[in-house]
Amino acid sequence: MAAPKVSSVFEFEEGGVTYSCCLETPTGKDQADAWWWFSVSSAADRQRYAPFRHTAGDTPAKVRPRIVAWYEEMLVKRAQPSVPAYRRGRPPAAVAAANAAAAATVVDNEP
């Protein structure tokens, strides 16, 4: 697999983090298939991210706040506790509501 063509590269610092950004178009594709990629200077985060496609009129000044907002939101989501994908039975809120409804029905039906 050939490396993608790099059309635009820039770097900036925000909040003590250095963002290295580039616009990449996969080999054999046109500019309409370009994505903004970035990485950060953190030793704990060695990932590269491609959060959104290139749109007409994109400039580093317009892309910068979008990248920072996306990355900060991703960090917030990453810090949240994980939610299991599968839970056996009813969710706790549904169980509590069902028990309350059942208790109210039993009380109403007593002579």
PDB file of N, CA and C in Angstrom:
ATOM      1  N   MET A   1       0.849  -1.185   0.000  1.00  0.00           N
ATOM      2  CA  MET A   1       0.000   0.000   0.000  1.00  0.00           C
ATOM      3  C   MET A   1       0.884   1.234   0.000  1.00  0.00           C
ATOM      4  N   ALA A   2       0.671   2.114  -0.939  1.00  0.00           N
ATOM      5  CA  ALA A   2       1.476   3.321  -1.065  1.00  0.00           C
ATOM      6  C   ALA A   2       1.047   4.359  -0.038  1.00  0.00           C
ATOM      7  N   ALA A   3       1.990   5.209   0.326  1.00  0.00           N
ATOM      8  CA  ALA A   3       1.695   6.268   1.298  1.00  0.00           C
ATOM      9  C   ALA A   3       0.809   7.324   0.655  1.00  0.00           C
ATOM     10  N   PRO A   4      -0.093   7.942   1.442  1.00  0.00           N
ATOM     11  CA  PRO A   4      -0.950   8.966   0.881  1.00  0.00           C
ATOM     12  C   PRO A   4      -0.167  10.224   0.514  1.00  0.00           C
ATOM     13  N   LYS A   5      -0.686  10.979  -0.444  1.00  0.00           N
ATOM     14  CA  LYS A   5      -0.073  12.244  -0.813  1.00  0.00           C
ATOM     15  C   LYS A   5      -0.400  13.271   0.271  1.00  0.00           C
ATOM     16  N   VAL A   6       0.576  14.094   0.640  1.00  0.00           N
ATOM     17  CA  VAL A   6       0.361  15.143   1.636  1.00  0.00           C
ATOM     18  C   VAL A   6       0.279  16.463   0.895  1.00  0.00           C
ATOM     19  N   SER A   7      -0.853  17.174   1.055  1.00  0.00           N
ATOM     20  CA  SER A   7      -1.041  18.417   0.334  1.00  0.00           C
ATOM     21  C   SER A   7      -0.811  19.657   1.177  1.00  0.00           C
ATOM     22  N   SER A   8      -1.028  19.577   2.486  1.00  0.00           N
ATOM     23  CA  SER A   8      -0.908  20.746   3.334  1.00  0.00           C
ATOM     24  C   SER A   8      -0.465  20.293   4.718  1.00  0.00           C
ATOM     25  N   VAL A   9       0.536  20.970   5.271  1.00  0.00           N
ATOM     26  CA  VAL A   9       1.061  20.618   6.588  1.00  0.00           C
ATOM     27  C   VAL A   9       1.195  21.889   7.413  1.00  0.00           C
ATOM     28  N   PHE A  10       0.776  21.821   8.683  1.00  0.00           N
ATOM     29  CA  PHE A  10       1.007  22.930   9.601  1.00  0.00           C
ATOM     30  C   PHE A  10       1.047  22.407  11.023  1.00  0.00           C
ATOM     31  N   GLU A  11       1.604  23.215  11.910  1.00  0.00           N
ATOM     32  CA  GLU A  11       1.759  22.845  13.311  1.00  0.00           C
ATOM     33  C   GLU A  11       1.388  24.054  14.159  1.00  0.00           C
ATOM     34  N   PHE A  12       0.799  23.805  15.333  1.00  0.00           N
ATOM     35  CA  PHE A  12       0.484  24.900  16.239  1.00  0.00           C
ATOM     36  C   PHE A  12       0.461  24.380  17.668  1.00  0.00           C
ATOM     37  N   GLU A  13       0.531  25.315  18.615  1.00  0.00           N
ATOM     38  CA  GLU A  13       0.487  24.948  20.025  1.00  0.00           C
ATOM     39  C   GLU A  13      -0.750  25.569  20.662  1.00  0.00           C
ATOM     40  N   GLU A  14      -1.401  24.785  21.483  1.00  0.00           N
ATOM     41  CA  GLU A  14      -2.613  25.237  22.180  1.00  0.00           C
ATOM     42  C   GLU A  14      -2.667  24.511  23.516  1.00  0.00           C
ATOM     43  N   GLY A  15      -2.734  25.274  24.611  1.00  0.00           N
ATOM     44  CA  GLY A  15      -2.852  24.674  25.934  1.00  0.00           C
ATOM     45  C   GLY A  15      -1.695  23.766  26.304  1.00  0.00           C
ATOM     46  N   GLY A  16      -0.491  24.084  25.861  1.00  0.00           N
ATOM     47  CA  GLY A  16       0.677  23.284  26.183  1.00  0.00           C
ATOM     48  C   GLY A  16       0.831  22.030  25.338  1.00  0.00           C
ATOM     49  N   VAL A  17      -0.017  21.863  24.346  1.00  0.00           N
ATOM     50  CA  VAL A  17       0.036  20.700  23.458  1.00  0.00           C
ATOM     51  C   VAL A  17       0.374  21.177  22.059  1.00  0.00           C
ATOM     52  N   THR A  18       1.320  20.506  21.417  1.00  0.00           N
ATOM     53  CA  THR A  18       1.651  20.832  20.036  1.00  0.00           C
ATOM     54  C   THR A  18       0.884  19.887  19.118  1.00  0.00           C
ATOM     55  N   TYR A  19       0.141  20.463  18.202  1.00  0.00           N
ATOM     56  CA  TYR A  19      -0.641  19.708  17.224  1.00  0.00           C
ATOM     57  C   TYR A  19       0.089  19.754  15.890  1.00  0.00           C
ATOM     58  N   SER A  20       0.349  18.595  15.317  1.00  0.00           N
ATOM     59  CA  SER A  20       0.949  18.493  13.980  1.00  0.00           C
ATOM     60  C   SER A  20      -0.145  18.023  13.032  1.00  0.00           C
ATOM     61  N   CYS A  21      -0.498  18.858  12.077  1.00  0.00           N
ATOM     62  CA  CYS A  21      -1.650  18.605  11.210  1.00  0.00           C
ATOM     63  C   CYS A  21      -1.224  18.494   9.749  1.00  0.00           C
ATOM     64  N   CYS A  22      -1.962  17.689   9.018  1.00  0.00           N
ATOM     65  CA  CYS A  22      -1.725  17.604   7.586  1.00  0.00           C
ATOM     66  C   CYS A  22      -3.006  17.170   6.884  1.00  0.00           C
ATOM     67  N   LEU A  23      -3.098  17.575   5.654  1.00  0.00           N
ATOM     68  CA  LEU A  23      -4.213  17.196   4.802  1.00  0.00           C
ATOM     69  C   LEU A  23      -3.703  16.089   3.902  1.00  0.00           C
ATOM     70  N   GLU A  24      -4.346  14.928   3.971  1.00  0.00           N
ATOM     71  CA  GLU A  24      -3.890  13.786   3.187  1.00  0.00           C
ATOM     72  C   GLU A  24      -4.977  13.293   2.255  1.00  0.00           C
ATOM     73  N   THR A  25      -4.547  12.994   1.046  1.00  0.00           N
ATOM     74  CA  THR A  25      -5.425  12.412   0.042  1.00  0.00           C
ATOM     75  C   THR A  25      -4.900  11.019  -0.265  1.00  0.00           C
ATOM     76  N   PRO A  26      -5.706   9.981  -0.086  1.00  0.00           N
ATOM     77  CA  PRO A  26      -5.224   8.638  -0.391  1.00  0.00           C
ATOM     78  C   PRO A  26      -4.776   8.525  -1.853  1.00  0.00           C
ATOM     79  N   THR A  27      -3.777   7.709  -2.089  1.00  0.00           N
ATOM     80  CA  THR A  27      -3.263   7.493  -3.435  1.00  0.00           C
ATOM     81  C   THR A  27      -4.382   7.025  -4.366  1.00  0.00           C
ATOM     82  N   GLY A  28      -4.436   7.623  -5.537  1.00  0.00           N
ATOM     83  CA  GLY A  28      -5.443   7.243  -6.520  1.00  0.00           C
ATOM     84  C   GLY A  28      -6.777   7.940  -6.327  1.00  0.00           C
ATOM     85  N   LYS A  29      -6.880   8.798  -5.331  1.00  0.00           N
ATOM     86  CA  LYS A  29      -8.135   9.514  -5.078  1.00  0.00           C
ATOM     87  C   LYS A  29      -7.943  10.990  -5.406  1.00  0.00           C
ATOM     88  N   ASP A  30      -9.058  11.713  -5.543  1.00  0.00           N
ATOM     89  CA  ASP A  30      -8.941  13.137  -5.806  1.00  0.00           C
ATOM     90  C   ASP A  30      -9.066  13.925  -4.504  1.00  0.00           C
ATOM     91  N   GLN A  31      -8.929  15.238  -4.606  1.00  0.00           N
ATOM     92  CA  GLN A  31      -8.928  16.126  -3.438  1.00  0.00           C
ATOM     93  C   GLN A  31     -10.235  16.030  -2.641  1.00  0.00           C
ATOM     94  N   ALA A  32     -11.314  15.615  -3.258  1.00  0.00           N
ATOM     95  CA  ALA A  32     -12.590  15.490  -2.554  1.00  0.00           C
ATOM     96  C   ALA A  32     -12.551  14.402  -1.485  1.00  0.00           C
ATOM     97  N   ASP A  33     -11.587  13.493  -1.584  1.00  0.00           N
ATOM     98  CA  ASP A  33     -11.449  12.416  -0.607  1.00  0.00           C
ATOM     99  C   ASP A  33     -10.397  12.717   0.459  1.00  0.00           C
ATOM    100  N   ALA A  34      -9.942  13.950   0.554  1.00  0.00           N
ATOM    101  CA  ALA A  34      -8.900  14.323   1.515  1.00  0.00           C
ATOM    102  C   ALA A  34      -9.469  14.427   2.933  1.00  0.00           C
ATOM    103  N   TRP A  35      -8.646  14.054   3.898  1.00  0.00           N
ATOM    104  CA  TRP A  35      -9.006  14.125   5.316  1.00  0.00           C
ATOM    105  C   TRP A  35      -7.949  14.927   6.061  1.00  0.00           C
ATOM    106  N   TRP A  36      -8.375  15.649   7.106  1.00  0.00           N
ATOM    107  CA  TRP A  36      -7.435  16.323   7.994  1.00  0.00           C
ATOM    108  C   TRP A  36      -6.975  15.314   9.036  1.00  0.00           C
ATOM    109  N   TRP A  37      -5.682  15.093   9.095  1.00  0.00           N
ATOM    110  CA  TRP A  37      -5.069  14.209  10.075  1.00  0.00           C
ATOM    111  C   TRP A  37      -4.274  15.054  11.050  1.00  0.00           C
ATOM    112  N   PHE A  38      -4.179  14.598  12.302  1.00  0.00           N
ATOM    113  CA  PHE A  38      -3.309  15.285  13.244  1.00  0.00           C
ATOM    114  C   PHE A  38      -2.800  14.316  14.301  1.00  0.00           C
ATOM    115  N   SER A  39      -1.704  14.711  14.928  1.00  0.00           N
ATOM    116  CA  SER A  39      -1.167  14.004  16.085  1.00  0.00           C
ATOM    117  C   SER A  39      -0.784  15.071  17.101  1.00  0.00           C
ATOM    118  N   VAL A  40      -0.596  14.655  18.350  1.00  0.00           N
ATOM    119  CA  VAL A  40      -0.243  15.597  19.412  1.00  0.00           C
ATOM    120  C   VAL A  40       1.112  15.230  19.999  1.00  0.00           C
ATOM    121  N   SER A  41       1.703  16.171  20.723  1.00  0.00           N
ATOM    122  CA  SER A  41       3.057  15.993  21.252  1.00  0.00           C
ATOM    123  C   SER A  41       3.096  15.252  22.578  1.00  0.00           C
ATOM    124  N   SER A  42       2.014  14.657  22.982  1.00  0.00           N
ATOM    125  CA  SER A  42       1.954  13.967  24.269  1.00  0.00           C
ATOM    126  C   SER A  42       2.633  12.602  24.191  1.00  0.00           C
ATOM    127  N   ALA A  43       3.441  12.292  25.211  1.00  0.00           N
ATOM    128  CA  ALA A  43       4.081  10.969  25.259  1.00  0.00           C
ATOM    129  C   ALA A  43       3.038   9.881  25.497  1.00  0.00           C
ATOM    130  N   ALA A  44       1.917  10.243  26.114  1.00  0.00           N
ATOM    131  CA  ALA A  44       0.861   9.271  26.411  1.00  0.00           C
ATOM    132  C   ALA A  44      -0.047   9.015  25.209  1.00  0.00           C
ATOM    133  N   ASP A  45       0.010   9.872  24.211  1.00  0.00           N
ATOM    134  CA  ASP A  45      -0.896   9.741  23.065  1.00  0.00           C
ATOM    135  C   ASP A  45      -0.099   9.730  21.770  1.00  0.00           C
ATOM    136  N   ARG A  46       0.144   8.550  21.233  1.00  0.00           N
ATOM    137  CA  ARG A  46       0.916   8.394  20.003  1.00  0.00           C
ATOM    138  C   ARG A  46       0.035   8.111  18.799  1.00  0.00           C
ATOM    139  N   GLN A  47      -1.262   8.301  18.946  1.00  0.00           N
ATOM    140  CA  GLN A  47      -2.203   8.039  17.857  1.00  0.00           C
ATOM    141  C   GLN A  47      -2.209   9.182  16.855  1.00  0.00           C
ATOM    142  N   ARG A  48      -2.640   8.873  15.653  1.00  0.00           N
ATOM    143  CA  ARG A  48      -2.972   9.888  14.651  1.00  0.00           C
ATOM    144  C   ARG A  48      -4.474   9.853  14.493  1.00  0.00           C
ATOM    145  N   TYR A  49      -5.075  11.008  14.331  1.00  0.00           N
ATOM    146  CA  TYR A  49      -6.527  11.102  14.223  1.00  0.00           C
ATOM    147  C   TYR A  49      -6.910  11.772  12.911  1.00  0.00           C
ATOM    148  N   ALA A  50      -8.008  11.336  12.330  1.00  0.00           N
ATOM    149  CA  ALA A  50      -8.570  11.941  11.120  1.00  0.00           C
ATOM    150  C   ALA A  50     -10.033  12.263  11.430  1.00  0.00           C
ATOM    151  N   PRO A  51     -10.296  13.358  12.125  1.00  0.00           N
ATOM    152  CA  PRO A  51     -11.652  13.626  12.595  1.00  0.00           C
ATOM    153  C   PRO A  51     -12.637  14.123  11.543  1.00  0.00           C
ATOM    154  N   PHE A  52     -12.164  14.718  10.470  1.00  0.00           N
ATOM    155  CA  PHE A  52     -13.106  15.226   9.479  1.00  0.00           C
ATOM    156  C   PHE A  52     -12.452  15.408   8.117  1.00  0.00           C
ATOM    157  N   ARG A  53     -13.321  15.421   7.104  1.00  0.00           N
ATOM    158  CA  ARG A  53     -12.884  15.600   5.718  1.00  0.00           C
ATOM    159  C   ARG A  53     -12.544  17.062   5.430  1.00  0.00           C
ATOM    160  N   HIS A  54     -11.741  17.218   4.431  1.00  0.00           N
ATOM    161  CA  HIS A  54     -11.415  18.547   3.915  1.00  0.00           C
ATOM    162  C   HIS A  54     -12.637  19.108   3.194  1.00  0.00           C
ATOM    163  N   THR A  55     -12.933  20.361   3.431  1.00  0.00           N
ATOM    164  CA  THR A  55     -14.014  21.032   2.709  1.00  0.00           C
ATOM    165  C   THR A  55     -13.446  22.253   2.001  1.00  0.00           C
ATOM    166  N   ALA A  56     -14.136  22.689   0.978  1.00  0.00           N
ATOM    167  CA  ALA A  56     -13.690  23.857   0.219  1.00  0.00           C
ATOM    168  C   ALA A  56     -13.555  25.052   1.167  1.00  0.00           C
ATOM    169  N   GLY A  57     -12.491  25.777   1.038  1.00  0.00           N
ATOM    170  CA  GLY A  57     -12.280  26.957   1.862  1.00  0.00           C
ATOM    171  C   GLY A  57     -11.570  26.675   3.174  1.00  0.00           C
ATOM    172  N   ASP A  58     -11.207  25.421   3.445  1.00  0.00           N
ATOM    173  CA  ASP A  58     -10.466  25.118   4.668  1.00  0.00           C
ATOM    174  C   ASP A  58      -9.103  25.797   4.633  1.00  0.00           C
ATOM    175  N   THR A  59      -8.747  26.402   5.733  1.00  0.00           N
ATOM    176  CA  THR A  59      -7.425  26.987   5.916  1.00  0.00           C
ATOM    177  C   THR A  59      -6.938  26.546   7.291  1.00  0.00           C
ATOM    178  N   PRO A  60      -5.646  26.641   7.560  1.00  0.00           N
ATOM    179  CA  PRO A  60      -5.176  26.297   8.904  1.00  0.00           C
ATOM    180  C   PRO A  60      -5.904  27.086  10.002  1.00  0.00           C
ATOM    181  N   ALA A  61      -6.205  28.351   9.748  1.00  0.00           N
ATOM    182  CA  ALA A  61      -6.903  29.163  10.753  1.00  0.00           C
ATOM    183  C   ALA A  61      -8.321  28.650  11.023  1.00  0.00           C
ATOM    184  N   LYS A  62      -8.980  28.105  10.011  1.00  0.00           N
ATOM    185  CA  LYS A  62     -10.335  27.574  10.190  1.00  0.00           C
ATOM    186  C   LYS A  62     -10.327  26.160  10.773  1.00  0.00           C
ATOM    187  N   VAL A  63      -9.307  25.391  10.437  1.00  0.00           N
ATOM    188  CA  VAL A  63      -9.236  24.002  10.875  1.00  0.00           C
ATOM    189  C   VAL A  63      -8.755  23.900  12.327  1.00  0.00           C
ATOM    190  N   ARG A  64      -7.881  24.791  12.722  1.00  0.00           N
ATOM    191  CA  ARG A  64      -7.282  24.746  14.067  1.00  0.00           C
ATOM    192  C   ARG A  64      -8.313  24.645  15.189  1.00  0.00           C
ATOM    193  N   PRO A  65      -9.310  25.530  15.290  1.00  0.00           N
ATOM    194  CA  PRO A  65     -10.270  25.401  16.398  1.00  0.00           C
ATOM    195  C   PRO A  65     -11.097  24.125  16.334  1.00  0.00           C
ATOM    196  N   ARG A  66     -11.374  23.631  15.136  1.00  0.00           N
ATOM    197  CA  ARG A  66     -12.117  22.372  15.000  1.00  0.00           C
ATOM    198  C   ARG A  66     -11.299  21.199  15.526  1.00  0.00           C
ATOM    199  N   ILE A  67     -10.013  21.194  15.234  1.00  0.00           N
ATOM    200  CA  ILE A  67      -9.146  20.109  15.705  1.00  0.00           C
ATOM    201  C   ILE A  67      -9.036  20.140  17.224  1.00  0.00           C
ATOM    202  N   VAL A  68      -8.796  21.321  17.789  1.00  0.00           N
ATOM    203  CA  VAL A  68      -8.661  21.440  19.247  1.00  0.00           C
ATOM    204  C   VAL A  68      -9.962  21.023  19.937  1.00  0.00           C
ATOM    205  N   ALA A  69     -11.099  21.495  19.449  1.00  0.00           N
ATOM    206  CA  ALA A  69     -12.391  21.132  20.055  1.00  0.00           C
ATOM    207  C   ALA A  69     -12.633  19.633  19.963  1.00  0.00           C
ATOM    208  N   TRP A  70     -12.340  19.037  18.810  1.00  0.00           N
ATOM    209  CA  TRP A  70     -12.548  17.595  18.647  1.00  0.00           C
ATOM    210  C   TRP A  70     -11.659  16.810  19.600  1.00  0.00           C
ATOM    211  N   TYR A  71     -10.386  17.197  19.718  1.00  0.00           N
ATOM    212  CA  TYR A  71      -9.452  16.475  20.573  1.00  0.00           C
ATOM    213  C   TYR A  71      -9.835  16.605  22.048  1.00  0.00           C
ATOM    214  N   GLU A  72     -10.208  17.808  22.473  1.00  0.00           N
ATOM    215  CA  GLU A  72     -10.599  18.004  23.875  1.00  0.00           C
ATOM    216  C   GLU A  72     -11.860  17.212  24.213  1.00  0.00           C
ATOM    217  N   GLU A  73     -12.815  17.161  23.292  1.00  0.00           N
ATOM    218  CA  GLU A  73     -14.027  16.365  23.510  1.00  0.00           C
ATOM    219  C   GLU A  73     -13.689  14.875  23.573  1.00  0.00           C
ATOM    220  N   MET A  74     -12.764  14.443  22.724  1.00  0.00           N
ATOM    221  CA  MET A  74     -12.353  13.043  22.742  1.00  0.00           C
ATOM    222  C   MET A  74     -11.688  12.692  24.076  1.00  0.00           C
ATOM    223  N   LEU A  75     -10.890  13.600  24.632  1.00  0.00           N
ATOM    224  CA  LEU A  75     -10.250  13.346  25.926  1.00  0.00           C
ATOM    225  C   LEU A  75     -11.280  13.232  27.041  1.00  0.00           C
ATOM    226  N   VAL A  76     -12.320  14.062  26.988  1.00  0.00           N
ATOM    227  CA  VAL A  76     -13.389  13.986  27.991  1.00  0.00           C
ATOM    228  C   VAL A  76     -14.092  12.634  27.897  1.00  0.00           C
ATOM    229  N   LYS A  77     -14.428  12.220  26.685  1.00  0.00           N
ATOM    230  CA  LYS A  77     -15.096  10.923  26.498  1.00  0.00           C
ATOM    231  C   LYS A  77     -14.201   9.777  26.950  1.00  0.00           C
ATOM    232  N   ARG A  78     -12.922   9.865  26.646  1.00  0.00           N
ATOM    233  CA  ARG A  78     -11.984   8.811  27.017  1.00  0.00           C
ATOM    234  C   ARG A  78     -11.857   8.691  28.540  1.00  0.00           C
ATOM    235  N   ALA A  79     -11.988   9.812  29.256  1.00  0.00           N
ATOM    236  CA  ALA A  79     -11.846   9.813  30.715  1.00  0.00           C
ATOM    237  C   ALA A  79     -13.083   9.258  31.427  1.00  0.00           C
ATOM    238  N   GLN A  80     -14.213   9.185  30.737  1.00  0.00           N
ATOM    239  CA  GLN A  80     -15.425   8.665  31.345  1.00  0.00           C
ATOM    240  C   GLN A  80     -15.322   7.151  31.515  1.00  0.00           C
ATOM    241  N   PRO A  81     -15.989   6.624  32.537  1.00  0.00           N
ATOM    242  CA  PRO A  81     -15.958   5.169  32.711  1.00  0.00           C
ATOM    243  C   PRO A  81     -16.626   4.480  31.524  1.00  0.00           C
ATOM    244  N   SER A  82     -16.139   3.307  31.219  1.00  0.00           N
ATOM    245  CA  SER A  82     -16.702   2.585  30.087  1.00  0.00           C
ATOM    246  C   SER A  82     -18.063   2.003  30.459  1.00  0.00           C
ATOM    247  N   VAL A  83     -18.909   1.890  29.477  1.00  0.00           N
ATOM    248  CA  VAL A  83     -20.237   1.313  29.658  1.00  0.00           C
ATOM    249  C   VAL A  83     -20.234  -0.030  28.951  1.00  0.00           C
ATOM    250  N   PRO A  84     -20.587  -1.091  29.661  1.00  0.00           N
ATOM    251  CA  PRO A  84     -20.591  -2.398  29.004  1.00  0.00           C
ATOM    252  C   PRO A  84     -21.539  -2.406  27.806  1.00  0.00           C
ATOM    253  N   ALA A  85     -21.128  -3.078  26.759  1.00  0.00           N
ATOM    254  CA  ALA A  85     -21.948  -3.137  25.548  1.00  0.00           C
ATOM    255  C   ALA A  85     -23.143  -4.066  25.736  1.00  0.00           C
ATOM    256  N   TYR A  86     -22.993  -5.067  26.602  1.00  0.00           N
ATOM    257  CA  TYR A  86     -24.069  -6.016  26.804  1.00  0.00           C
ATOM    258  C   TYR A  86     -24.341  -6.152  28.292  1.00  0.00           C
ATOM    259  N   ARG A  87     -25.587  -6.017  28.644  1.00  0.00           N
ATOM    260  CA  ARG A  87     -26.012  -6.232  30.022  1.00  0.00           C
ATOM    261  C   ARG A  87     -27.089  -7.288  30.021  1.00  0.00           C
ATOM    262  N   ARG A  88     -26.982  -8.183  30.914  1.00  0.00           N
ATOM    263  CA  ARG A  88     -27.958  -9.242  31.014  1.00  0.00           C
ATOM    264  C   ARG A  88     -29.204  -8.732  31.726  1.00  0.00           C
ATOM    265  N   GLY A  89     -30.340  -9.026  31.195  1.00  0.00           N
ATOM    266  CA  GLY A  89     -31.588  -8.604  31.841  1.00  0.00           C
ATOM    267  C   GLY A  89     -31.910  -7.149  31.570  1.00  0.00           C
ATOM    268  N   ARG A  90     -32.821  -6.636  32.378  1.00  0.00           N
ATOM    269  CA  ARG A  90     -33.240  -5.240  32.211  1.00  0.00           C
ATOM    270  C   ARG A  90     -32.218  -4.286  32.815  1.00  0.00           C
ATOM    271  N   PRO A  91     -32.125  -3.082  32.262  1.00  0.00           N
ATOM    272  CA  PRO A  91     -31.261  -2.067  32.864  1.00  0.00           C
ATOM    273  C   PRO A  91     -31.802  -1.694  34.248  1.00  0.00           C
ATOM    274  N   PRO A  92     -30.960  -1.264  35.176  1.00  0.00           N
ATOM    275  CA  PRO A  92     -31.395  -0.965  36.542  1.00  0.00           C
ATOM    276  C   PRO A  92     -32.587  -0.009  36.629  1.00  0.00           C
ATOM    277  N   ALA A  93     -32.631   1.048  35.827  1.00  0.00           N
ATOM    278  CA  ALA A  93     -33.747   1.997  35.894  1.00  0.00           C
ATOM    279  C   ALA A  93     -35.051   1.324  35.478  1.00  0.00           C
ATOM    280  N   ALA A  94     -34.996   0.487  34.479  1.00  0.00           N
ATOM    281  CA  ALA A  94     -36.201  -0.216  34.026  1.00  0.00           C
ATOM    282  C   ALA A  94     -36.685  -1.189  35.089  1.00  0.00           C
ATOM    283  N   VAL A  95     -35.771  -1.837  35.792  1.00  0.00           N
ATOM    284  CA  VAL A  95     -36.148  -2.770  36.850  1.00  0.00           C
ATOM    285  C   VAL A  95     -36.828  -2.019  37.985  1.00  0.00           C
ATOM    286  N   ALA A  96     -36.269  -0.894  38.387  1.00  0.00           N
ATOM    287  CA  ALA A  96     -36.855  -0.106  39.472  1.00  0.00           C
ATOM    288  C   ALA A  96     -38.240   0.390  39.085  1.00  0.00           C
ATOM    289  N   ALA A  97     -38.402   0.864  37.855  1.00  0.00           N
ATOM    290  CA  ALA A  97     -39.704   1.353  37.399  1.00  0.00           C
ATOM    291  C   ALA A  97     -40.719   0.216  37.346  1.00  0.00           C
ATOM    292  N   ALA A  98     -40.295  -0.953  36.874  1.00  0.00           N
ATOM    293  CA  ALA A  98     -41.186  -2.110  36.798  1.00  0.00           C
ATOM    294  C   ALA A  98     -41.605  -2.563  38.191  1.00  0.00           C
ATOM    295  N   ASN A  99     -40.677  -2.576  39.145  1.00  0.00           N
ATOM    296  CA  ASN A  99     -41.007  -2.954  40.515  1.00  0.00           C
ATOM    297  C   ASN A  99     -41.977  -1.970  41.150  1.00  0.00           C
ATOM    298  N   ALA A 100     -41.787  -0.678  40.916  1.00  0.00           N
ATOM    299  CA  ALA A 100     -42.687   0.343  41.462  1.00  0.00           C
ATOM    300  C   ALA A 100     -44.073   0.199  40.857  1.00  0.00           C
ATOM    301  N   ALA A 101     -44.133  -0.040  39.556  1.00  0.00           N
ATOM    302  CA  ALA A 101     -45.429  -0.211  38.892  1.00  0.00           C
ATOM    303  C   ALA A 101     -46.124  -1.463  39.408  1.00  0.00           C
ATOM    304  N   ALA A 102     -45.386  -2.535  39.615  1.00  0.00           N
ATOM    305  CA  ALA A 102     -45.967  -3.778  40.128  1.00  0.00           C
ATOM    306  C   ALA A 102     -46.472  -3.584  41.548  1.00  0.00           C
ATOM    307  N   ALA A 103     -45.725  -2.868  42.378  1.00  0.00           N
ATOM    308  CA  ALA A 103     -46.144  -2.614  43.756  1.00  0.00           C
ATOM    309  C   ALA A 103     -47.400  -1.766  43.788  1.00  0.00           C
ATOM    310  N   ALA A 104     -47.497  -0.772  42.918  1.00  0.00           N
ATOM    311  CA  ALA A 104     -48.680   0.084  42.876  1.00  0.00           C
ATOM    312  C   ALA A 104     -49.897  -0.715  42.426  1.00  0.00           C
ATOM    313  N   THR A 105     -49.717  -1.624  41.507  1.00  0.00           N
ATOM    314  CA  THR A 105     -50.811  -2.462  41.010  1.00  0.00           C
ATOM    315  C   THR A 105     -51.327  -3.379  42.123  1.00  0.00           C
ATOM    316  N   VAL A 106     -50.415  -3.959  42.899  1.00  0.00           N
ATOM    317  CA  VAL A 106     -50.808  -4.869  43.985  1.00  0.00           C
ATOM    318  C   VAL A 106     -51.562  -4.103  45.048  1.00  0.00           C
ATOM    319  N   VAL A 107     -51.124  -2.893  45.413  1.00  0.00           N
ATOM    320  CA  VAL A 107     -51.788  -2.086  46.427  1.00  0.00           C
ATOM    321  C   VAL A 107     -53.172  -1.698  45.938  1.00  0.00           C
ATOM    322  N   ASP A 108     -53.324  -1.296  44.673  1.00  0.00           N
ATOM    323  CA  ASP A 108     -54.610  -0.864  44.135  1.00  0.00           C
ATOM    324  C   ASP A 108     -55.613  -2.020  44.069  1.00  0.00           C
ATOM    325  N   ASN A 109     -55.150  -3.228  43.909  1.00  0.00           N
ATOM    326  CA  ASN A 109     -56.034  -4.378  43.736  1.00  0.00           C
ATOM    327  C   ASN A 109     -56.438  -5.038  45.052  1.00  0.00           C
ATOM    328  N   GLU A 110     -55.886  -4.615  46.167  1.00  0.00           N
ATOM    329  CA  GLU A 110     -56.237  -5.224  47.451  1.00  0.00           C
ATOM    330  C   GLU A 110     -57.613  -4.749  47.883  1.00  0.00           C
ATOM    331  N   PRO A 111     -58.413  -5.676  48.530  1.00  0.00           N
ATOM    332  CA  PRO A 111     -59.777  -5.305  48.971  1.00  0.00           C
ATOM    333  C   PRO A 111     -59.796  -4.418  50.177  1.00  0.00           C
TER     334      PRO A 111
END
